[in-house]
Amino acid sequence: MRAVQLLAWQTEAQVVDVPLPTAGPGQVVIKVAGAGACHSDLHIMHMMSDGMFPWGPPFTLGHENAGWVHEIGAGVEGFSVGEPVAVHGPWGCGACSRCRSGIDQYCSDQLSAAGDGAFGGGLGLDGGMAQYMLVNDARHLVRIPGSLDPIAAAPLTDAGLTPYHAVKLSLPKLTPGTTALVIGVGGLGHMAVQFLRALTGATIIAADSRQEALDLAVGCGADATVLTTSDDAAAQVKEATQGRGCEVVLDFVGVDATLALGVASGRQLGDLTIVGGAGGTYPMGLYTVPYEMNMRSMYWGSRSELAEVLTLAARGDITVTYTEYQLENALQAYHDLEAGRVKGRAVIVP
């Protein structure tokens, strides 16, 4: 079968021929409907090197995956061939208390996970940018409810799940009359706007450097927008909140400038959650941030939260915007993603 593989660190992926996977005990092979292309794939391709992880190339990319059950290994119960499923992306050891609670992304013993500590399919193990994908433990599968298209479900496993988890962390502070600022309303940020609209009564401000992204955010439910290329972006946020600032700031970019904007736009007792992995920093000190502002990073979300995201999508409460690319054109998807030409999310369809 054809697959998009990373053959060496700091190189572009290539579309190559690989063997068809087969399901061993406890495992499931899915026929892939779609696999999301993510900015973190670009980081993996261009910024990683030998020794950074206990695993490395070659492996098939694609950590946002959905499709249909194709082959069921011995001992697997509760699934049937042809059933539509999404794949929970982070794969932990399966034995620690965190994995048993469904939060594999914070596995306490990642080195004991399958694949010498690999983080999951597309993250050290073969992912979903192929016609078929081996899921090394059936517990990573989540049923797709209703009539939700598995192609649309694929990006929800990350681009939906990650912002959903970020919003849930701050739900107690998002009561009616409060304000949430979403910085970066691309693939993940436009989903955060929808979750905020579906789950809270907060006023939503979207901030981005691209007008087309802000237009998308308005269509997703944003109440106001700020162009981050403006010199007075933080002042515009403060003006929109009558000088109070925002109770919750979600940064889906994560560079120095957006972190600074988030701090300047926040308020005392507020939250600033860093989701974007661009590597920015901000000097944390007694006088550099509003008093009792919680600053935190986060990673992905739990299996139960993925089921909740899929339910919201099946009900029509949220809709992921995405562009389809055929498997043979996967490299073009990454080029478009890197150049900022993708509206919403890019999905590779075998």
Protein backbone atom coordinates (compact mmCIF):
# COMPACT_ATOMS: atom_id res chain seq x y z
CA MET A 1 0.00 0.00 0.00
CA ARG A 2 1.02 3.65 -0.34
CA ALA A 3 1.99 5.67 2.72
CA VAL A 4 3.45 9.07 3.61
CA GLN A 5 6.62 8.27 5.53
CA LEU A 6 9.32 10.27 7.24
CA LEU A 7 12.50 8.38 6.32
CA ALA A 8 15.02 10.57 8.17
CA TRP A 9 15.00 13.53 10.54
CA GLN A 10 15.13 17.02 8.99
CA THR A 11 13.90 15.85 5.60
CA GLU A 12 10.60 16.07 3.76
CA ALA A 13 8.26 13.12 3.95
CA GLN A 14 7.93 10.85 0.94
CA VAL A 15 5.09 8.79 -0.51
CA VAL A 16 6.38 5.21 -0.61
CA ASP A 17 5.18 1.61 -0.82
CA VAL A 18 4.90 -0.25 2.51
CA PRO A 19 3.48 -3.65 3.52
CA LEU A 20 -0.15 -3.99 4.58
CA PRO A 21 -0.44 -4.18 8.39
CA THR A 22 -2.03 -7.16 10.14
CA ALA A 23 -3.71 -7.19 13.54
CA GLY A 24 -2.05 -9.10 16.37
CA PRO A 25 -3.68 -9.96 19.71
CA GLY A 26 -5.48 -6.95 21.16
CA GLN A 27 -4.91 -4.90 18.02
CA VAL A 28 -7.13 -3.51 15.27
CA VAL A 29 -6.40 -2.51 11.68
CA ILE A 30 -8.55 0.32 10.35
CA LYS A 31 -9.23 1.28 6.77
CA VAL A 32 -8.31 4.96 6.82
CA ALA A 33 -10.92 7.53 5.80
CA GLY A 34 -8.79 10.56 6.54
CA ALA A 35 -5.68 11.71 8.38
CA GLY A 36 -5.15 15.30 9.44
CA ALA A 37 -1.95 17.17 8.57
CA CYS A 38 -0.72 19.14 11.58
CA HIS A 39 1.86 21.85 12.26
CA SER A 40 3.45 19.44 14.72
CA ASP A 41 4.24 17.18 11.74
CA LEU A 42 6.30 20.05 10.33
CA HIS A 43 8.13 20.33 13.65
CA ILE A 44 8.79 16.58 13.59
CA MET A 45 10.10 16.68 10.03
CA HIS A 46 12.28 19.77 10.28
CA MET A 47 13.22 20.36 13.92
CA MET A 48 13.85 16.91 15.44
CA SER A 49 17.15 15.02 15.39
CA ASP A 50 18.77 11.82 16.61
CA GLY A 51 18.79 11.45 20.38
CA MET A 52 15.87 13.74 21.10
CA PHE A 53 13.52 10.76 21.50
CA PRO A 54 14.06 7.04 22.08
CA TRP A 55 12.39 6.47 18.70
CA GLY A 56 12.91 7.80 15.22
CA PRO A 57 12.33 7.35 11.49
CA PRO A 58 11.22 5.62 9.41
CA PHE A 59 7.53 5.77 10.27
CA THR A 60 4.27 6.76 8.59
CA LEU A 61 3.00 10.23 9.49
CA GLY A 62 -0.54 11.08 10.57
CA HIS A 63 -1.66 11.33 14.20
CA GLU A 64 -5.21 12.60 13.50
CA ASN A 65 -6.98 9.53 12.19
CA ALA A 66 -10.40 8.04 11.58
CA GLY A 67 -11.85 5.31 9.40
CA TRP A 68 -13.56 1.94 9.59
CA VAL A 69 -12.62 -1.24 11.44
CA HIS A 70 -10.99 -3.56 8.88
CA GLU A 71 -9.40 -6.40 10.88
CA ILE A 72 -9.81 -7.37 14.54
CA GLY A 73 -7.08 -9.16 16.46
CA ALA A 74 -7.58 -12.00 18.92
CA GLY A 75 -9.08 -10.97 22.23
CA VAL A 76 -10.62 -7.72 21.01
CA GLU A 77 -14.27 -7.34 21.93
CA GLY A 78 -16.86 -4.65 21.36
CA PHE A 79 -15.99 -3.71 17.77
CA SER A 80 -17.21 -5.06 14.45
CA VAL A 81 -15.74 -4.94 10.95
CA GLY A 82 -16.97 -1.89 9.04
CA GLU A 83 -17.75 0.14 12.17
CA PRO A 84 -16.67 3.82 11.93
CA VAL A 85 -14.07 4.75 14.54
CA ALA A 86 -11.72 7.57 15.46
CA VAL A 87 -8.27 6.98 16.93
CA HIS A 88 -7.27 8.64 20.20
CA GLY A 89 -3.83 9.93 19.25
CA PRO A 90 -1.58 9.68 22.34
CA TRP A 91 -0.65 6.07 23.17
CA GLY A 92 0.71 5.47 26.65
CA CYS A 93 1.77 2.33 28.48
CA GLY A 94 -1.83 1.37 29.26
CA ALA A 95 -0.99 0.27 32.80
CA CYS A 96 -0.35 3.43 34.84
CA SER A 97 -3.14 5.25 36.65
CA ARG A 98 -3.21 8.02 34.07
CA CYS A 99 -3.59 5.66 31.12
CA ARG A 100 -6.29 3.71 32.95
CA SER A 101 -8.11 7.03 33.37
CA GLY A 102 -7.90 7.70 29.63
CA ILE A 103 -5.28 10.48 29.80
CA ASP A 104 -2.57 8.64 27.86
CA GLN A 105 -1.07 11.99 26.85
CA TYR A 106 0.35 12.26 30.37
CA CYS A 107 1.45 8.61 30.69
CA SER A 108 3.63 8.09 33.77
CA ASP A 109 5.74 5.42 32.07
CA GLN A 110 6.00 6.41 28.41
CA LEU A 111 9.16 4.35 27.90
CA SER A 112 7.08 1.22 28.53
CA ALA A 113 4.65 2.14 25.77
CA ALA A 114 4.69 0.15 22.54
CA GLY A 115 7.42 1.20 20.14
CA ASP A 116 10.18 1.96 22.66
CA GLY A 117 8.42 4.98 24.09
CA ALA A 118 6.82 6.20 20.87
CA PHE A 119 4.02 8.68 21.53
CA GLY A 120 1.53 7.03 19.16
CA GLY A 121 0.60 6.42 15.56
CA GLY A 122 2.34 9.07 13.44
CA LEU A 123 4.53 9.91 16.43
CA GLY A 124 7.11 7.15 16.26
CA LEU A 125 4.77 4.37 15.20
CA ASP A 126 3.08 4.14 11.80
CA GLY A 127 0.21 6.62 11.57
CA GLY A 128 -2.78 7.10 9.34
CA MET A 129 -1.39 8.66 6.17
CA ALA A 130 -1.83 5.35 4.39
CA GLN A 131 -4.65 3.18 3.15
CA TYR A 132 -4.64 1.11 6.34
CA MET A 133 -3.37 1.73 9.86
CA LEU A 134 -2.49 -0.63 12.70
CA VAL A 135 -3.83 0.52 16.09
CA ASN A 136 -1.68 -1.26 18.65
CA ASP A 137 -4.39 -1.45 21.31
CA ALA A 138 -8.15 -1.42 20.72
CA ARG A 139 -8.62 0.87 23.73
CA HIS A 140 -7.39 3.75 21.56
CA LEU A 141 -10.51 3.51 19.37
CA VAL A 142 -13.56 5.70 19.95
CA ARG A 143 -16.79 5.02 18.08
CA ILE A 144 -17.99 7.74 15.72
CA PRO A 145 -21.61 8.51 16.61
CA GLY A 146 -24.54 9.19 14.34
CA SER A 147 -23.96 10.08 10.72
CA LEU A 148 -20.71 12.00 11.30
CA ASP A 149 -18.41 11.57 8.29
CA PRO A 150 -15.18 9.79 9.34
CA ILE A 151 -13.21 12.18 7.10
CA ALA A 152 -14.52 15.09 9.17
CA ALA A 153 -13.91 13.12 12.37
CA ALA A 154 -10.19 12.70 11.63
CA PRO A 155 -9.07 16.28 12.39
CA LEU A 156 -11.36 16.35 15.42
CA THR A 157 -9.04 13.85 17.13
CA ASP A 158 -6.50 16.65 17.60
CA ALA A 159 -7.71 19.94 16.10
CA GLY A 160 -10.99 19.37 17.93
CA LEU A 161 -9.84 17.51 21.03
CA THR A 162 -6.96 19.82 21.96
CA PRO A 163 -8.93 23.10 21.99
CA TYR A 164 -11.85 21.33 23.67
CA HIS A 165 -9.56 20.31 26.52
CA ALA A 166 -8.19 23.85 26.72
CA VAL A 167 -11.67 25.32 26.97
CA LYS A 168 -12.77 22.76 29.57
CA LEU A 169 -9.83 23.66 31.81
CA SER A 170 -11.21 27.21 32.11
CA LEU A 171 -14.95 26.52 32.14
CA PRO A 172 -15.41 27.68 35.78
CA LYS A 173 -14.16 31.14 34.78
CA LEU A 174 -16.27 31.43 31.62
CA THR A 175 -19.58 32.51 33.10
CA PRO A 176 -21.93 34.92 31.28
CA GLY A 177 -20.43 38.40 31.28
CA THR A 178 -16.84 37.19 31.03
CA THR A 179 -14.55 37.40 28.00
CA ALA A 180 -12.32 34.83 26.30
CA LEU A 181 -9.55 35.77 23.88
CA VAL A 182 -8.50 33.20 21.26
CA ILE A 183 -5.10 34.01 19.73
CA GLY A 184 -4.56 32.22 16.44
CA VAL A 185 -7.81 31.09 14.85
CA GLY A 186 -6.49 28.61 12.32
CA GLY A 187 -6.88 24.84 12.45
CA LEU A 188 -7.28 24.59 16.23
CA GLY A 189 -8.30 28.13 17.09
CA HIS A 190 -11.41 28.16 14.91
CA MET A 191 -12.56 25.07 16.80
CA ALA A 192 -11.91 26.78 20.15
CA VAL A 193 -14.24 29.60 19.11
CA GLN A 194 -16.98 27.06 18.42
CA PHE A 195 -16.47 25.26 21.73
CA LEU A 196 -16.61 28.55 23.60
CA ARG A 197 -19.85 29.41 21.81
CA ALA A 198 -21.37 25.96 22.44
CA LEU A 199 -20.34 25.58 26.08
CA THR A 200 -20.22 29.08 27.60
CA GLY A 201 -21.95 32.43 27.73
CA ALA A 202 -18.67 34.33 27.43
CA THR A 203 -17.94 37.05 24.91
CA ILE A 204 -15.39 35.74 22.39
CA ILE A 205 -12.61 37.85 20.88
CA ALA A 206 -10.56 36.31 18.06
CA ALA A 207 -7.05 37.54 17.28
CA ASP A 208 -4.94 36.59 14.28
CA SER A 209 -2.44 38.07 11.83
CA ARG A 210 -4.60 37.05 8.83
CA GLN A 211 -7.88 38.72 7.97
CA GLU A 212 -9.21 35.54 6.33
CA ALA A 213 -8.70 33.67 9.60
CA LEU A 214 -10.62 36.38 11.46
CA ASP A 215 -13.43 36.12 8.92
CA LEU A 216 -13.57 32.37 9.58
CA ALA A 217 -13.67 33.03 13.33
CA VAL A 218 -16.65 35.37 12.94
CA GLY A 219 -18.43 32.63 11.03
CA CYS A 220 -17.67 30.28 13.91
CA GLY A 221 -19.21 32.62 16.49
CA ALA A 222 -16.60 35.20 17.50
CA ASP A 223 -18.11 38.46 18.78
CA ALA A 224 -15.12 40.67 17.95
CA THR A 225 -11.80 40.42 16.15
CA VAL A 226 -8.35 41.94 16.50
CA LEU A 227 -5.64 41.93 13.84
CA THR A 228 -2.44 41.08 15.68
CA THR A 229 -0.31 42.99 13.19
CA SER A 230 -1.77 46.20 14.65
CA ASP A 231 0.53 48.06 17.02
CA ASP A 232 -2.33 48.54 19.46
CA ALA A 233 -3.72 44.97 19.45
CA ALA A 234 -3.66 44.68 23.25
CA ALA A 235 -5.27 48.10 23.61
CA GLN A 236 -8.05 46.99 21.28
CA VAL A 237 -8.71 43.97 23.47
CA LYS A 238 -8.77 46.14 26.59
CA GLU A 239 -11.15 48.56 24.90
CA ALA A 240 -13.47 45.70 23.92
CA THR A 241 -13.58 44.64 27.58
CA GLN A 242 -14.12 48.17 28.93
CA GLY A 243 -10.59 48.14 30.29
CA ARG A 244 -10.99 45.00 32.39
CA GLY A 245 -9.11 42.51 30.26
CA CYS A 246 -10.03 38.90 29.56
CA GLU A 247 -10.76 36.23 32.13
CA VAL A 248 -9.42 33.54 29.80
CA VAL A 249 -6.76 33.71 27.07
CA LEU A 250 -6.08 30.72 24.81
CA ASP A 251 -2.87 31.05 22.76
CA PHE A 252 -2.83 28.70 19.76
CA VAL A 253 0.37 30.20 18.35
CA GLY A 254 2.87 30.28 21.19
CA VAL A 255 5.53 32.74 19.99
CA ASP A 256 6.99 35.48 22.18
CA ALA A 257 4.71 38.13 20.70
CA THR A 258 1.47 36.20 21.23
CA LEU A 259 2.40 35.30 24.80
CA ALA A 260 3.06 38.98 25.46
CA LEU A 261 -0.29 39.85 23.89
CA GLY A 262 -1.99 37.25 26.06
CA VAL A 263 -0.49 38.62 29.27
CA ALA A 264 -1.30 42.22 28.30
CA SER A 265 -4.87 41.23 27.44
CA GLY A 266 -5.50 39.16 30.56
CA ARG A 267 -6.52 40.17 34.04
CA GLN A 268 -6.00 39.26 37.66
CA LEU A 269 -7.27 35.78 38.61
CA GLY A 270 -7.47 34.89 34.92
CA ASP A 271 -6.14 31.97 32.88
CA LEU A 272 -3.57 31.97 30.09
CA THR A 273 -3.33 28.57 28.43
CA ILE A 274 -0.53 27.97 25.93
CA VAL A 275 -1.57 25.49 23.25
CA GLY A 276 0.61 26.55 20.30
CA GLY A 277 3.98 24.84 20.13
CA ALA A 278 6.04 27.56 18.46
CA GLY A 279 8.49 27.66 21.37
CA GLY A 280 7.94 31.20 22.63
CA THR A 281 8.66 32.25 26.22
CA TYR A 282 7.56 34.99 28.59
CA PRO A 283 9.40 36.16 31.74
CA MET A 284 7.35 34.96 34.71
CA GLY A 285 7.73 37.12 37.80
CA LEU A 286 5.83 38.85 40.55
CA TYR A 287 5.39 42.04 38.55
CA THR A 288 5.40 40.71 34.98
CA VAL A 289 1.92 39.13 34.92
CA PRO A 290 -1.42 40.10 36.50
CA TYR A 291 -1.70 38.88 40.08
CA GLU A 292 -2.88 35.26 40.39
CA MET A 293 -3.00 34.74 36.64
CA ASN A 294 -2.65 31.02 35.94
CA MET A 295 -0.19 30.38 33.11
CA ARG A 296 -0.06 26.79 31.88
CA SER A 297 0.79 24.64 28.92
CA MET A 298 -1.22 21.59 27.90
CA TYR A 299 -1.13 18.64 25.54
CA TRP A 300 -4.02 17.01 23.67
CA GLY A 301 -7.00 15.62 25.65
CA SER A 302 -8.47 12.44 27.10
CA ARG A 303 -10.32 9.57 25.41
CA SER A 304 -13.56 10.52 27.14
CA GLU A 305 -13.16 14.10 25.92
CA LEU A 306 -12.69 12.81 22.37
CA ALA A 307 -16.02 11.00 22.66
CA GLU A 308 -17.59 14.27 23.82
CA VAL A 309 -16.11 16.17 20.86
CA LEU A 310 -17.44 13.61 18.39
CA THR A 311 -20.88 13.81 20.01
CA LEU A 312 -20.92 17.60 19.67
CA ALA A 313 -19.94 17.27 16.01
CA ALA A 314 -22.55 14.59 15.31
CA ARG A 315 -25.22 16.87 16.81
CA GLY A 316 -24.10 19.75 14.62
CA ASP A 317 -22.97 21.93 17.54
CA ILE A 318 -19.50 22.25 15.99
CA THR A 319 -18.20 21.93 12.43
CA VAL A 320 -14.58 21.50 11.42
CA THR A 321 -13.46 23.43 8.35
CA TYR A 322 -11.03 21.38 6.29
CA THR A 323 -9.51 20.90 2.84
CA GLU A 324 -9.04 17.42 1.38
CA TYR A 325 -5.80 16.31 -0.29
CA GLN A 326 -5.28 12.97 -1.99
CA LEU A 327 -2.55 10.78 -0.49
CA GLU A 328 -0.22 11.31 -3.43
CA ASN A 329 -0.52 15.10 -2.88
CA ALA A 330 0.28 14.99 0.84
CA LEU A 331 3.50 16.96 0.43
CA GLN A 332 1.51 19.79 -1.15
CA ALA A 333 -0.71 19.82 1.93
CA TYR A 334 2.35 20.36 4.12
CA HIS A 335 3.66 23.09 1.82
CA ASP A 336 0.29 24.85 1.96
CA LEU A 337 0.17 24.43 5.73
CA GLU A 338 3.64 25.89 6.17
CA ALA A 339 2.76 28.84 3.92
CA GLY A 340 -0.48 29.58 5.78
CA ARG A 341 -2.65 28.77 2.76
CA VAL A 342 -4.87 26.18 4.46
CA LYS A 343 -8.27 27.37 5.63
CA GLY A 344 -9.06 25.40 8.75
CA ARG A 345 -7.46 21.96 8.59
CA ALA A 346 -5.79 19.85 5.89
CA VAL A 347 -6.94 16.23 5.68
CA ILE A 348 -5.15 13.53 3.68
CA VAL A 349 -7.60 11.11 2.05
CA PRO A 350 -6.18 7.75 0.80
